[in-house]
N, C-alpha and C. Protein backbone atom coordinates (compact mmCIF):
# COMPACT_ATOMS: atom_id res chain seq x y z
N MET A 1 13.86 -25.51 160.98
CA MET A 1 12.71 -26.30 160.61
C MET A 1 11.51 -25.36 160.44
N PRO A 2 11.14 -25.03 159.21
CA PRO A 2 10.00 -24.15 158.99
C PRO A 2 8.67 -24.80 159.37
N VAL A 3 7.81 -23.98 159.96
CA VAL A 3 6.43 -24.39 160.23
C VAL A 3 5.54 -23.38 159.52
N VAL A 4 4.73 -23.86 158.59
CA VAL A 4 3.83 -23.00 157.83
C VAL A 4 2.41 -23.24 158.33
N GLN A 5 1.73 -22.16 158.69
CA GLN A 5 0.34 -22.26 159.13
C GLN A 5 -0.55 -21.58 158.11
N ILE A 6 -1.53 -22.32 157.61
CA ILE A 6 -2.44 -21.81 156.59
C ILE A 6 -3.85 -21.81 157.17
N SER A 7 -4.44 -20.64 157.25
CA SER A 7 -5.84 -20.53 157.67
C SER A 7 -6.68 -20.27 156.43
N MET A 8 -7.71 -21.07 156.26
CA MET A 8 -8.58 -20.88 155.10
C MET A 8 -9.98 -21.34 155.47
N TRP A 9 -10.93 -20.89 154.68
CA TRP A 9 -12.31 -21.28 154.91
C TRP A 9 -12.45 -22.79 154.75
N ALA A 10 -13.24 -23.37 155.61
CA ALA A 10 -13.52 -24.80 155.55
C ALA A 10 -14.24 -25.13 154.25
N GLY A 11 -14.08 -26.36 153.80
CA GLY A 11 -14.80 -26.79 152.62
C GLY A 11 -13.91 -27.36 151.53
N ARG A 12 -12.60 -27.22 151.67
CA ARG A 12 -11.71 -27.80 150.65
C ARG A 12 -11.65 -29.31 150.87
N SER A 13 -11.45 -30.03 149.79
CA SER A 13 -11.39 -31.49 149.87
C SER A 13 -10.04 -31.93 150.45
N ASP A 14 -10.01 -33.16 150.92
CA ASP A 14 -8.75 -33.73 151.42
C ASP A 14 -7.70 -33.74 150.32
N GLU A 15 -8.11 -33.99 149.09
CA GLU A 15 -7.17 -34.00 147.96
C GLU A 15 -6.57 -32.61 147.74
N GLN A 16 -7.39 -31.57 147.82
CA GLN A 16 -6.88 -30.21 147.67
C GLN A 16 -5.89 -29.88 148.77
N LYS A 17 -6.21 -30.25 150.00
CA LYS A 17 -5.31 -29.97 151.12
C LYS A 17 -4.00 -30.75 150.97
N LYS A 18 -4.10 -31.96 150.48
CA LYS A 18 -2.89 -32.78 150.23
C LYS A 18 -1.98 -32.07 149.23
N LYS A 19 -2.58 -31.53 148.17
CA LYS A 19 -1.79 -30.83 147.14
C LYS A 19 -1.18 -29.55 147.69
N ILE A 20 -1.91 -28.84 148.55
CA ILE A 20 -1.36 -27.63 149.18
C ILE A 20 -0.15 -27.99 150.03
N ILE A 21 -0.29 -29.00 150.86
CA ILE A 21 0.82 -29.41 151.73
C ILE A 21 2.02 -29.82 150.90
N GLU A 22 1.80 -30.59 149.86
CA GLU A 22 2.89 -31.04 148.99
C GLU A 22 3.56 -29.86 148.29
N GLY A 23 2.75 -28.95 147.76
CA GLY A 23 3.30 -27.81 147.03
C GLY A 23 4.10 -26.87 147.91
N VAL A 24 3.56 -26.55 149.09
CA VAL A 24 4.27 -25.67 150.02
C VAL A 24 5.58 -26.33 150.46
N THR A 25 5.53 -27.61 150.76
CA THR A 25 6.73 -28.33 151.16
C THR A 25 7.78 -28.30 150.05
N ASN A 26 7.36 -28.56 148.83
CA ASN A 26 8.30 -28.57 147.70
C ASN A 26 8.97 -27.22 147.51
N VAL A 27 8.20 -26.14 147.61
CA VAL A 27 8.77 -24.80 147.44
C VAL A 27 9.80 -24.51 148.53
N LEU A 28 9.46 -24.81 149.76
CA LEU A 28 10.40 -24.55 150.86
C LEU A 28 11.67 -25.38 150.71
N CYS A 29 11.53 -26.63 150.31
CA CYS A 29 12.71 -27.49 150.11
C CYS A 29 13.61 -26.92 149.01
N GLU A 30 12.99 -26.46 147.95
CA GLU A 30 13.77 -25.91 146.83
C GLU A 30 14.46 -24.61 147.21
N VAL A 31 13.73 -23.71 147.82
CA VAL A 31 14.26 -22.38 148.15
C VAL A 31 15.27 -22.44 149.30
N LEU A 32 14.97 -23.24 150.30
CA LEU A 32 15.82 -23.28 151.50
C LEU A 32 16.84 -24.41 151.48
N ASN A 33 16.77 -25.25 150.44
CA ASN A 33 17.68 -26.39 150.32
C ASN A 33 17.62 -27.28 151.57
N ILE A 34 16.40 -27.69 151.92
CA ILE A 34 16.18 -28.55 153.07
C ILE A 34 15.42 -29.79 152.65
N LYS A 35 15.35 -30.76 153.55
CA LYS A 35 14.65 -32.01 153.27
C LYS A 35 13.17 -31.88 153.67
N PRO A 36 12.29 -32.61 152.98
CA PRO A 36 10.86 -32.55 153.30
C PRO A 36 10.55 -32.87 154.76
N GLU A 37 11.32 -33.75 155.37
CA GLU A 37 11.04 -34.10 156.76
C GLU A 37 11.31 -32.95 157.73
N ASN A 38 11.91 -31.88 157.25
CA ASN A 38 12.16 -30.70 158.08
C ASN A 38 11.07 -29.65 157.95
N VAL A 39 10.04 -29.92 157.16
CA VAL A 39 8.97 -28.95 156.92
C VAL A 39 7.68 -29.45 157.58
N THR A 40 7.01 -28.54 158.28
CA THR A 40 5.70 -28.84 158.86
C THR A 40 4.69 -27.86 158.28
N VAL A 41 3.57 -28.38 157.81
CA VAL A 41 2.49 -27.54 157.28
C VAL A 41 1.23 -27.85 158.09
N ILE A 42 0.62 -26.80 158.64
CA ILE A 42 -0.60 -26.95 159.41
C ILE A 42 -1.71 -26.17 158.71
N ILE A 43 -2.81 -26.85 158.44
CA ILE A 43 -3.96 -26.19 157.80
C ILE A 43 -5.07 -26.06 158.83
N TYR A 44 -5.52 -24.83 159.01
CA TYR A 44 -6.66 -24.56 159.89
C TYR A 44 -7.89 -24.32 159.01
N ASP A 45 -8.88 -25.18 159.13
CA ASP A 45 -10.15 -24.99 158.43
C ASP A 45 -11.06 -24.16 159.34
N VAL A 46 -11.42 -22.99 158.88
CA VAL A 46 -12.23 -22.08 159.68
C VAL A 46 -13.58 -21.90 159.00
N GLU A 47 -14.64 -22.11 159.74
CA GLU A 47 -15.98 -21.88 159.21
C GLU A 47 -16.15 -20.40 158.90
N LYS A 48 -16.82 -20.08 157.81
CA LYS A 48 -17.01 -18.68 157.41
C LYS A 48 -17.68 -17.87 158.51
N LYS A 49 -18.56 -18.47 159.29
CA LYS A 49 -19.24 -17.73 160.36
C LYS A 49 -18.26 -17.31 161.45
N ASN A 50 -17.07 -17.93 161.51
CA ASN A 50 -16.05 -17.60 162.50
C ASN A 50 -14.93 -16.75 161.92
N TRP A 51 -15.12 -16.22 160.72
CA TRP A 51 -14.08 -15.45 160.01
C TRP A 51 -14.68 -14.10 159.67
N GLY A 52 -14.13 -13.04 160.27
CA GLY A 52 -14.66 -11.71 160.00
C GLY A 52 -14.03 -11.09 158.77
N LYS A 53 -14.86 -10.44 157.96
CA LYS A 53 -14.38 -9.77 156.76
C LYS A 53 -15.27 -8.55 156.54
N SER A 54 -14.67 -7.39 156.38
CA SER A 54 -15.41 -6.15 156.15
C SER A 54 -16.41 -5.86 157.28
N GLY A 55 -16.02 -6.24 158.51
CA GLY A 55 -16.87 -5.96 159.67
C GLY A 55 -18.02 -6.92 159.86
N LYS A 56 -18.07 -7.99 159.06
CA LYS A 56 -19.15 -8.97 159.15
C LYS A 56 -18.57 -10.37 159.08
N PRO A 57 -19.35 -11.35 159.55
CA PRO A 57 -18.90 -12.73 159.32
C PRO A 57 -18.80 -12.99 157.82
N ALA A 58 -17.78 -13.70 157.39
CA ALA A 58 -17.58 -13.96 155.96
C ALA A 58 -18.78 -14.67 155.35
N SER A 59 -19.54 -15.38 156.15
CA SER A 59 -20.71 -16.08 155.64
C SER A 59 -21.79 -15.09 155.17
N GLU A 60 -21.68 -13.83 155.58
CA GLU A 60 -22.66 -12.80 155.19
C GLU A 60 -22.14 -11.85 154.13
N VAL A 61 -20.88 -11.97 153.78
CA VAL A 61 -20.28 -11.04 152.81
C VAL A 61 -20.40 -11.59 151.41
């Protein structure tokens, strides 16, 4: 049972996240020949101020 964890900056719409979950699930089902109910996708929305990039908070880069 694959579990996919996606960390991304906060701000995506619920519709965008729905499409990500659907797309990732579909790819795993196709490649691994498994059923959708065996796939778990977790999206972590992280504020840019809590995400470091190039030695600075992403909100400053």
